[in-house]
């Protein structure tokens, strides 16, 4: 996988790998967070970007991921998307 793609999907990879590390299904994370399993699945696949602050907090808390780390990851992804848009335009 090329470097740009890894940065673009870093948030997805972090939350999925942490979930799998804990041995949890999406349904289990859904129950722990109160977030729809379908929405969590789309986050893990990179189909949804920029989760709400509340969703981010619930995900970080349930998966034991530092919320500031997740915020930084999302900011890096956003910056990367903007750079690509600027190059295209």
PDB file of N, CA and C in Angstrom:
ATOM      1  N   UNK A   1       0.847  -1.173   0.000  1.00  0.00           N
ATOM      2  CA  UNK A   1       0.000   0.000   0.000  1.00  0.00           C
ATOM      3  C   UNK A   1       0.895   1.239   0.000  1.00  0.00           C
ATOM      4  N   UNK A   2       0.577   2.199  -0.816  1.00  0.00           N
ATOM      5  CA  UNK A   2       1.442   3.372  -0.901  1.00  0.00           C
ATOM      6  C   UNK A   2       1.216   4.314   0.277  1.00  0.00           C
ATOM      7  N   UNK A   3       2.209   5.154   0.569  1.00  0.00           N
ATOM      8  CA  UNK A   3       2.207   6.020   1.738  1.00  0.00           C
ATOM      9  C   UNK A   3       0.965   6.895   1.845  1.00  0.00           C
ATOM     10  N   UNK A   4       0.537   7.516   0.758  1.00  0.00           N
ATOM     11  CA  UNK A   4      -0.625   8.391   0.782  1.00  0.00           C
ATOM     12  C   UNK A   4      -1.882   7.670   1.224  1.00  0.00           C
ATOM     13  N   UNK A   5      -2.036   6.460   0.790  1.00  0.00           N
ATOM     14  CA  UNK A   5      -3.218   5.692   1.156  1.00  0.00           C
ATOM     15  C   UNK A   5      -3.197   5.357   2.642  1.00  0.00           C
ATOM     16  N   UNK A   6      -2.034   5.043   3.177  1.00  0.00           N
ATOM     17  CA  UNK A   6      -1.944   4.734   4.607  1.00  0.00           C
ATOM     18  C   UNK A   6      -2.337   5.939   5.443  1.00  0.00           C
ATOM     19  N   UNK A   7      -1.893   7.112   5.080  1.00  0.00           N
ATOM     20  CA  UNK A   7      -2.253   8.317   5.817  1.00  0.00           C
ATOM     21  C   UNK A   7      -3.747   8.558   5.684  1.00  0.00           C
ATOM     22  N   UNK A   8      -4.279   8.388   4.510  1.00  0.00           N
ATOM     23  CA  UNK A   8      -5.695   8.631   4.258  1.00  0.00           C
ATOM     24  C   UNK A   8      -6.587   7.714   5.097  1.00  0.00           C
ATOM     25  N   UNK A   9      -6.116   6.526   5.386  1.00  0.00           N
ATOM     26  CA  UNK A   9      -6.930   5.541   6.113  1.00  0.00           C
ATOM     27  C   UNK A   9      -6.393   5.261   7.508  1.00  0.00           C
ATOM     28  N   UNK A  10      -5.551   6.111   8.016  1.00  0.00           N
ATOM     29  CA  UNK A  10      -4.925   5.857   9.308  1.00  0.00           C
ATOM     30  C   UNK A  10      -5.952   5.733  10.428  1.00  0.00           C
ATOM     31  N   UNK A  11      -6.932   6.632  10.477  1.00  0.00           N
ATOM     32  CA  UNK A  11      -7.954   6.570  11.519  1.00  0.00           C
ATOM     33  C   UNK A  11      -8.676   5.223  11.468  1.00  0.00           C
ATOM     34  N   UNK A  12      -9.070   4.826  10.279  1.00  0.00           N
ATOM     35  CA  UNK A  12      -9.766   3.551  10.090  1.00  0.00           C
ATOM     36  C   UNK A  12      -8.920   2.385  10.585  1.00  0.00           C
ATOM     37  N   UNK A  13      -7.648   2.411  10.217  1.00  0.00           N
ATOM     38  CA  UNK A  13      -6.746   1.328  10.597  1.00  0.00           C
ATOM     39  C   UNK A  13      -6.525   1.292  12.106  1.00  0.00           C
ATOM     40  N   UNK A  14      -6.421   2.452  12.730  1.00  0.00           N
ATOM     41  CA  UNK A  14      -6.195   2.512  14.176  1.00  0.00           C
ATOM     42  C   UNK A  14      -7.376   1.920  14.935  1.00  0.00           C
ATOM     43  N   UNK A  15      -8.586   2.356  14.598  1.00  0.00           N
ATOM     44  CA  UNK A  15      -9.729   1.870  15.380  1.00  0.00           C
ATOM     45  C   UNK A  15     -10.003   0.388  15.100  1.00  0.00           C
ATOM     46  N   UNK A  16      -9.822  -0.036  13.869  1.00  0.00           N
ATOM     47  CA  UNK A  16     -10.052  -1.451  13.559  1.00  0.00           C
ATOM     48  C   UNK A  16      -9.011  -2.337  14.236  1.00  0.00           C
ATOM     49  N   UNK A  17      -7.746  -1.949  14.173  1.00  0.00           N
ATOM     50  CA  UNK A  17      -6.706  -2.782  14.776  1.00  0.00           C
ATOM     51  C   UNK A  17      -6.870  -2.854  16.292  1.00  0.00           C
ATOM     52  N   UNK A  18      -7.272  -1.754  16.908  1.00  0.00           N
ATOM     53  CA  UNK A  18      -7.479  -1.755  18.357  1.00  0.00           C
ATOM     54  C   UNK A  18      -8.672  -2.645  18.727  1.00  0.00           C
ATOM     55  N   UNK A  19      -9.738  -2.587  17.930  1.00  0.00           N
ATOM     56  CA  UNK A  19     -10.897  -3.443  18.166  1.00  0.00           C
ATOM     57  C   UNK A  19     -10.507  -4.915  18.059  1.00  0.00           C
ATOM     58  N   UNK A  20      -9.774  -5.253  16.999  1.00  0.00           N
ATOM     59  CA  UNK A  20      -9.362  -6.638  16.797  1.00  0.00           C
ATOM     60  C   UNK A  20      -8.394  -7.099  17.886  1.00  0.00           C
ATOM     61  N   UNK A  21      -7.529  -6.194  18.318  1.00  0.00           N
ATOM     62  CA  UNK A  21      -6.595  -6.501  19.409  1.00  0.00           C
ATOM     63  C   UNK A  21      -7.357  -6.913  20.677  1.00  0.00           C
ATOM     64  N   UNK A  22      -8.481  -6.268  20.909  1.00  0.00           N
ATOM     65  CA  UNK A  22      -9.308  -6.586  22.070  1.00  0.00           C
ATOM     66  C   UNK A  22     -10.176  -7.825  21.836  1.00  0.00           C
ATOM     67  N   UNK A  23     -10.227  -8.285  20.569  1.00  0.00           N
ATOM     68  CA  UNK A  23     -11.027  -9.457  20.241  1.00  0.00           C
ATOM     69  C   UNK A  23     -12.524  -9.175  20.200  1.00  0.00           C
ATOM     70  N   UNK A  24     -12.877  -7.915  19.918  1.00  0.00           N
ATOM     71  CA  UNK A  24     -14.274  -7.501  19.914  1.00  0.00           C
ATOM     72  C   UNK A  24     -14.831  -7.461  18.503  1.00  0.00           C
ATOM     73  N   UNK A  25     -16.097  -7.787  18.388  1.00  0.00           N
ATOM     74  CA  UNK A  25     -16.814  -7.624  17.125  1.00  0.00           C
ATOM     75  C   UNK A  25     -17.313  -6.182  17.040  1.00  0.00           C
ATOM     76  N   UNK A  26     -17.763  -5.801  15.860  1.00  0.00           N
ATOM     77  CA  UNK A  26     -18.361  -4.469  15.710  1.00  0.00           C
ATOM     78  C   UNK A  26     -19.595  -4.342  16.597  1.00  0.00           C
ATOM     79  N   UNK A  27     -20.342  -5.415  16.720  1.00  0.00           N
ATOM     80  CA  UNK A  27     -21.542  -5.399  17.569  1.00  0.00           C
ATOM     81  C   UNK A  27     -21.169  -5.113  19.026  1.00  0.00           C
ATOM     82  N   UNK A  28     -20.089  -5.714  19.494  1.00  0.00           N
ATOM     83  CA  UNK A  28     -19.651  -5.476  20.873  1.00  0.00           C
ATOM     84  C   UNK A  28     -19.245  -4.015  21.087  1.00  0.00           C
ATOM     85  N   UNK A  29     -18.536  -3.452  20.124  1.00  0.00           N
ATOM     86  CA  UNK A  29     -18.154  -2.040  20.222  1.00  0.00           C
ATOM     87  C   UNK A  29     -19.405  -1.173  20.162  1.00  0.00           C
ATOM     88  N   UNK A  30     -20.337  -1.564  19.331  1.00  0.00           N
ATOM     89  CA  UNK A  30     -21.598  -0.838  19.223  1.00  0.00           C
ATOM     90  C   UNK A  30     -22.328  -0.803  20.558  1.00  0.00           C
ATOM     91  N   UNK A  31     -22.368  -1.918  21.228  1.00  0.00           N
ATOM     92  CA  UNK A  31     -23.031  -1.994  22.534  1.00  0.00           C
ATOM     93  C   UNK A  31     -22.294  -1.133  23.561  1.00  0.00           C
ATOM     94  N   UNK A  32     -20.979  -1.195  23.553  1.00  0.00           N
ATOM     95  CA  UNK A  32     -20.176  -0.436  24.524  1.00  0.00           C
ATOM     96  C   UNK A  32     -20.254   1.074  24.288  1.00  0.00           C
ATOM     97  N   UNK A  33     -20.404   1.485  23.026  1.00  0.00           N
ATOM     98  CA  UNK A  33     -20.383   2.913  22.694  1.00  0.00           C
ATOM     99  C   UNK A  33     -21.766   3.513  22.492  1.00  0.00           C
ATOM    100  N   UNK A  34     -22.730   2.674  22.150  1.00  0.00           N
ATOM    101  CA  UNK A  34     -24.043   3.190  21.784  1.00  0.00           C
ATOM    102  C   UNK A  34     -24.081   3.732  20.367  1.00  0.00           C
ATOM    103  N   UNK A  35     -23.053   3.405  19.600  1.00  0.00           N
ATOM    104  CA  UNK A  35     -22.957   3.846  18.203  1.00  0.00           C
ATOM    105  C   UNK A  35     -23.363   2.682  17.308  1.00  0.00           C
ATOM    106  N   UNK A  36     -24.162   2.946  16.303  1.00  0.00           N
ATOM    107  CA  UNK A  36     -24.651   1.943  15.373  1.00  0.00           C
ATOM    108  C   UNK A  36     -23.480   1.164  14.763  1.00  0.00           C
ATOM    109  N   UNK A  37     -23.595  -0.170  14.749  1.00  0.00           N
ATOM    110  CA  UNK A  37     -22.536  -1.031  14.210  1.00  0.00           C
ATOM    111  C   UNK A  37     -22.271  -0.743  12.737  1.00  0.00           C
ATOM    112  N   UNK A  38     -23.302  -0.393  11.991  1.00  0.00           N
ATOM    113  CA  UNK A  38     -23.137  -0.067  10.576  1.00  0.00           C
ATOM    114  C   UNK A  38     -22.267   1.188  10.405  1.00  0.00           C
ATOM    115  N   UNK A  39     -22.502   2.184  11.258  1.00  0.00           N
ATOM    116  CA  UNK A  39     -21.699   3.411  11.218  1.00  0.00           C
ATOM    117  C   UNK A  39     -20.243   3.108  11.584  1.00  0.00           C
ATOM    118  N   UNK A  40     -20.044   2.285  12.614  1.00  0.00           N
ATOM    119  CA  UNK A  40     -18.681   1.896  12.997  1.00  0.00           C
ATOM    120  C   UNK A  40     -17.984   1.164  11.856  1.00  0.00           C
ATOM    121  N   UNK A  41     -18.720   0.294  11.171  1.00  0.00           N
ATOM    122  CA  UNK A  41     -18.169  -0.434  10.035  1.00  0.00           C
ATOM    123  C   UNK A  41     -17.724   0.530   8.933  1.00  0.00           C
ATOM    124  N   UNK A  42     -18.557   1.535   8.643  1.00  0.00           N
ATOM    125  CA  UNK A  42     -18.196   2.518   7.615  1.00  0.00           C
ATOM    126  C   UNK A  42     -16.982   3.338   8.037  1.00  0.00           C
ATOM    127  N   UNK A  43     -16.856   3.633   9.333  1.00  0.00           N
ATOM    128  CA  UNK A  43     -15.654   4.325   9.822  1.00  0.00           C
ATOM    129  C   UNK A  43     -14.416   3.459   9.601  1.00  0.00           C
ATOM    130  N   UNK A  44     -14.528   2.184   9.930  1.00  0.00           N
ATOM    131  CA  UNK A  44     -13.395   1.268   9.764  1.00  0.00           C
ATOM    132  C   UNK A  44     -13.015   1.073   8.307  1.00  0.00           C
ATOM    133  N   UNK A  45     -13.961   1.155   7.416  1.00  0.00           N
ATOM    134  CA  UNK A  45     -13.676   1.002   5.986  1.00  0.00           C
ATOM    135  C   UNK A  45     -13.216   2.304   5.357  1.00  0.00           C
ATOM    136  N   UNK A  46     -13.284   3.400   6.094  1.00  0.00           N
ATOM    137  CA  UNK A  46     -12.890   4.696   5.554  1.00  0.00           C
ATOM    138  C   UNK A  46     -13.965   5.335   4.701  1.00  0.00           C
ATOM    139  N   UNK A  47     -15.171   4.772   4.759  1.00  0.00           N
ATOM    140  CA  UNK A  47     -16.278   5.322   3.969  1.00  0.00           C
ATOM    141  C   UNK A  47     -16.886   6.547   4.632  1.00  0.00           C
ATOM    142  N   UNK A  48     -16.718   6.668   5.929  1.00  0.00           N
ATOM    143  CA  UNK A  48     -17.176   7.847   6.672  1.00  0.00           C
ATOM    144  C   UNK A  48     -15.961   8.559   7.222  1.00  0.00           C
ATOM    145  N   UNK A  49     -15.973   9.854   7.138  1.00  0.00           N
ATOM    146  CA  UNK A  49     -14.858  10.666   7.633  1.00  0.00           C
ATOM    147  C   UNK A  49     -15.389  11.629   8.680  1.00  0.00           C
ATOM    148  N   UNK A  50     -14.512  12.100   9.507  1.00  0.00           N
ATOM    149  CA  UNK A  50     -14.833  13.133  10.494  1.00  0.00           C
ATOM    150  C   UNK A  50     -16.016  12.790  11.390  1.00  0.00           C
ATOM    151  N   UNK A  51     -15.849  11.810  12.263  1.00  0.00           N
ATOM    152  CA  UNK A  51     -16.919  11.499  13.206  1.00  0.00           C
ATOM    153  C   UNK A  51     -17.156  12.670  14.153  1.00  0.00           C
ATOM    154  N   UNK A  52     -18.343  12.735  14.723  1.00  0.00           N
ATOM    155  CA  UNK A  52     -18.648  13.806  15.671  1.00  0.00           C
ATOM    156  C   UNK A  52     -17.747  13.685  16.895  1.00  0.00           C
ATOM    157  N   UNK A  53     -17.654  14.776  17.647  1.00  0.00           N
ATOM    158  CA  UNK A  53     -16.840  14.778  18.864  1.00  0.00           C
ATOM    159  C   UNK A  53     -17.348  13.734  19.857  1.00  0.00           C
ATOM    160  N   UNK A  54     -18.653  13.596  19.942  1.00  0.00           N
ATOM    161  CA  UNK A  54     -19.229  12.619  20.879  1.00  0.00           C
ATOM    162  C   UNK A  54     -18.875  11.197  20.442  1.00  0.00           C
ATOM    163  N   UNK A  55     -19.014  10.911  19.140  1.00  0.00           N
ATOM    164  CA  UNK A  55     -18.663   9.583  18.631  1.00  0.00           C
ATOM    165  C   UNK A  55     -17.177   9.309  18.850  1.00  0.00           C
ATOM    166  N   UNK A  56     -16.355  10.299  18.584  1.00  0.00           N
ATOM    167  CA  UNK A  56     -14.912  10.160  18.767  1.00  0.00           C
ATOM    168  C   UNK A  56     -14.583   9.851  20.230  1.00  0.00           C
ATOM    169  N   UNK A  57     -15.228  10.567  21.145  1.00  0.00           N
ATOM    170  CA  UNK A  57     -15.013  10.339  22.569  1.00  0.00           C
ATOM    171  C   UNK A  57     -15.421   8.920  22.962  1.00  0.00           C
ATOM    172  N   UNK A  58     -16.576   8.489  22.516  1.00  0.00           N
ATOM    173  CA  UNK A  58     -17.071   7.150  22.866  1.00  0.00           C
ATOM    174  C   UNK A  58     -16.161   6.059  22.309  1.00  0.00           C
ATOM    175  N   UNK A  59     -15.710   6.238  21.074  1.00  0.00           N
ATOM    176  CA  UNK A  59     -14.816   5.250  20.449  1.00  0.00           C
ATOM    177  C   UNK A  59     -13.491   5.203  21.196  1.00  0.00           C
ATOM    178  N   UNK A  60     -12.922   6.374  21.465  1.00  0.00           N
ATOM    179  CA  UNK A  60     -11.619   6.409  22.138  1.00  0.00           C
ATOM    180  C   UNK A  60     -11.704   5.796  23.535  1.00  0.00           C
ATOM    181  N   UNK A  61     -12.771   6.091  24.237  1.00  0.00           N
ATOM    182  CA  UNK A  61     -12.939   5.568  25.598  1.00  0.00           C
ATOM    183  C   UNK A  61     -13.118   4.053  25.587  1.00  0.00           C
ATOM    184  N   UNK A  62     -13.972   3.555  24.722  1.00  0.00           N
ATOM    185  CA  UNK A  62     -14.247   2.113  24.710  1.00  0.00           C
ATOM    186  C   UNK A  62     -13.044   1.298  24.234  1.00  0.00           C
ATOM    187  N   UNK A  63     -12.258   1.857  23.311  1.00  0.00           N
ATOM    188  CA  UNK A  63     -11.108   1.125  22.772  1.00  0.00           C
ATOM    189  C   UNK A  63      -9.790   1.466  23.475  1.00  0.00           C
ATOM    190  N   UNK A  64      -9.870   2.315  24.488  1.00  0.00           N
ATOM    191  CA  UNK A  64      -8.677   2.735  25.235  1.00  0.00           C
ATOM    192  C   UNK A  64      -7.616   3.365  24.321  1.00  0.00           C
ATOM    193  N   UNK A  65      -8.076   4.306  23.499  1.00  0.00           N
ATOM    194  CA  UNK A  65      -7.170   5.053  22.617  1.00  0.00           C
ATOM    195  C   UNK A  65      -7.203   6.507  23.084  1.00  0.00           C
ATOM    196  N   UNK A  66      -6.047   7.108  23.208  1.00  0.00           N
ATOM    197  CA  UNK A  66      -5.967   8.507  23.612  1.00  0.00           C
ATOM    198  C   UNK A  66      -6.730   9.374  22.614  1.00  0.00           C
ATOM    199  N   UNK A  67      -7.684  10.151  23.114  1.00  0.00           N
ATOM    200  CA  UNK A  67      -8.521  10.951  22.217  1.00  0.00           C
ATOM    201  C   UNK A  67      -7.709  11.991  21.455  1.00  0.00           C
ATOM    202  N   UNK A  68      -6.677  12.545  22.086  1.00  0.00           N
ATOM    203  CA  UNK A  68      -5.850  13.537  21.386  1.00  0.00           C
ATOM    204  C   UNK A  68      -5.114  12.893  20.212  1.00  0.00           C
ATOM    205  N   UNK A  69      -4.718  11.636  20.380  1.00  0.00           N
ATOM    206  CA  UNK A  69      -4.087  10.921  19.280  1.00  0.00           C
ATOM    207  C   UNK A  69      -5.059  10.785  18.114  1.00  0.00           C
ATOM    208  N   UNK A  70      -6.311  10.385  18.417  1.00  0.00           N
ATOM    209  CA  UNK A  70      -7.299  10.232  17.344  1.00  0.00           C
ATOM    210  C   UNK A  70      -7.594  11.565  16.659  1.00  0.00           C
ATOM    211  N   UNK A  71      -7.667  12.635  17.429  1.00  0.00           N
ATOM    212  CA  UNK A  71      -7.901  13.956  16.837  1.00  0.00           C
ATOM    213  C   UNK A  71      -6.751  14.330  15.905  1.00  0.00           C
ATOM    214  N   UNK A  72      -5.524  14.086  16.333  1.00  0.00           N
ATOM    215  CA  UNK A  72      -4.358  14.388  15.485  1.00  0.00           C
ATOM    216  C   UNK A  72      -4.394  13.577  14.198  1.00  0.00           C
ATOM    217  N   UNK A  73      -4.779  12.305  14.310  1.00  0.00           N
ATOM    218  CA  UNK A  73      -4.885  11.454  13.123  1.00  0.00           C
ATOM    219  C   UNK A  73      -5.911  12.028  12.151  1.00  0.00           C
ATOM    220  N   UNK A  74      -7.067  12.431  12.672  1.00  0.00           N
ATOM    221  CA  UNK A  74      -8.099  13.009  11.809  1.00  0.00           C
ATOM    222  C   UNK A  74      -7.626  14.313  11.167  1.00  0.00           C
ATOM    223  N   UNK A  75      -6.900  15.125  11.913  1.00  0.00           N
ATOM    224  CA  UNK A  75      -6.379  16.385  11.357  1.00  0.00           C
ATOM    225  C   UNK A  75      -5.364  16.121  10.249  1.00  0.00           C
ATOM    226  N   UNK A  76      -4.523  15.119  10.442  1.00  0.00           N
ATOM    227  CA  UNK A  76      -3.550  14.753   9.403  1.00  0.00           C
ATOM    228  C   UNK A  76      -4.277  14.289   8.144  1.00  0.00           C
ATOM    229  N   UNK A  77      -5.310  13.464   8.320  1.00  0.00           N
ATOM    230  CA  UNK A  77      -6.079  12.987   7.166  1.00  0.00           C
ATOM    231  C   UNK A  77      -6.733  14.145   6.425  1.00  0.00           C
ATOM    232  N   UNK A  78      -7.308  15.087   7.172  1.00  0.00           N
ATOM    233  CA  UNK A  78      -7.964  16.243   6.556  1.00  0.00           C
ATOM    234  C   UNK A  78      -6.951  17.095   5.783  1.00  0.00           C
ATOM    235  N   UNK A  79      -5.799  17.300   6.379  1.00  0.00           N
ATOM    236  CA  UNK A  79      -4.753  18.077   5.709  1.00  0.00           C
ATOM    237  C   UNK A  79      -4.315  17.386   4.424  1.00  0.00           C
ATOM    238  N   UNK A  80      -4.188  16.075   4.467  1.00  0.00           N
ATOM    239  CA  UNK A  80      -3.790  15.312   3.280  1.00  0.00           C
ATOM    240  C   UNK A  80      -4.844  15.444   2.177  1.00  0.00           C
ATOM    241  N   UNK A  81      -6.133  15.340   2.546  1.00  0.00           N
ATOM    242  CA  UNK A  81      -7.204  15.492   1.551  1.00  0.00           C
ATOM    243  C   UNK A  81      -7.165  16.884   0.925  1.00  0.00           C
ATOM    244  N   UNK A  82      -6.933  17.896   1.746  1.00  0.00           N
ATOM    245  CA  UNK A  82      -6.870  19.264   1.231  1.00  0.00           C
ATOM    246  C   UNK A  82      -5.688  19.458   0.293  1.00  0.00           C
ATOM    247  N   UNK A  83      -4.563  18.833   0.615  1.00  0.00           N
ATOM    248  CA  UNK A  83      -3.393  18.938  -0.266  1.00  0.00           C
ATOM    249  C   UNK A  83      -3.686  18.319  -1.627  1.00  0.00           C
ATOM    250  N   UNK A  84      -4.358  17.179  -1.616  1.00  0.00           N
ATOM    251  CA  UNK A  84      -4.701  16.511  -2.877  1.00  0.00           C
ATOM    252  C   UNK A  84      -5.667  17.381  -3.678  1.00  0.00           C
ATOM    253  N   UNK A  85      -6.679  17.946  -3.012  1.00  0.00           N
ATOM    254  CA  UNK A  85      -7.631  18.830  -3.699  1.00  0.00           C
ATOM    255  C   UNK A  85      -6.914  20.023  -4.317  1.00  0.00           C
ATOM    256  N   UNK A  86      -5.976  20.620  -3.584  1.00  0.00           N
ATOM    257  CA  UNK A  86      -5.231  21.773  -4.082  1.00  0.00           C
ATOM    258  C   UNK A  86      -4.400  21.424  -5.311  1.00  0.00           C
ATOM    259  N   UNK A  87      -3.854  20.215  -5.317  1.00  0.00           N
ATOM    260  CA  UNK A  87      -3.045  19.797  -6.461  1.00  0.00           C
ATOM    261  C   UNK A  87      -3.908  19.550  -7.690  1.00  0.00           C
ATOM    262  N   UNK A  88      -5.126  19.091  -7.482  1.00  0.00           N
ATOM    263  CA  UNK A  88      -6.026  18.803  -8.593  1.00  0.00           C
ATOM    264  C   UNK A  88      -6.565  20.085  -9.194  1.00  0.00           C
ATOM    265  N   UNK A  89      -6.873  21.055  -8.346  1.00  0.00           N
ATOM    266  CA  UNK A  89      -7.480  22.307  -8.830  1.00  0.00           C
ATOM    267  C   UNK A  89      -6.476  23.230  -9.401  1.00  0.00           C
TER     268      UNK A  89
END
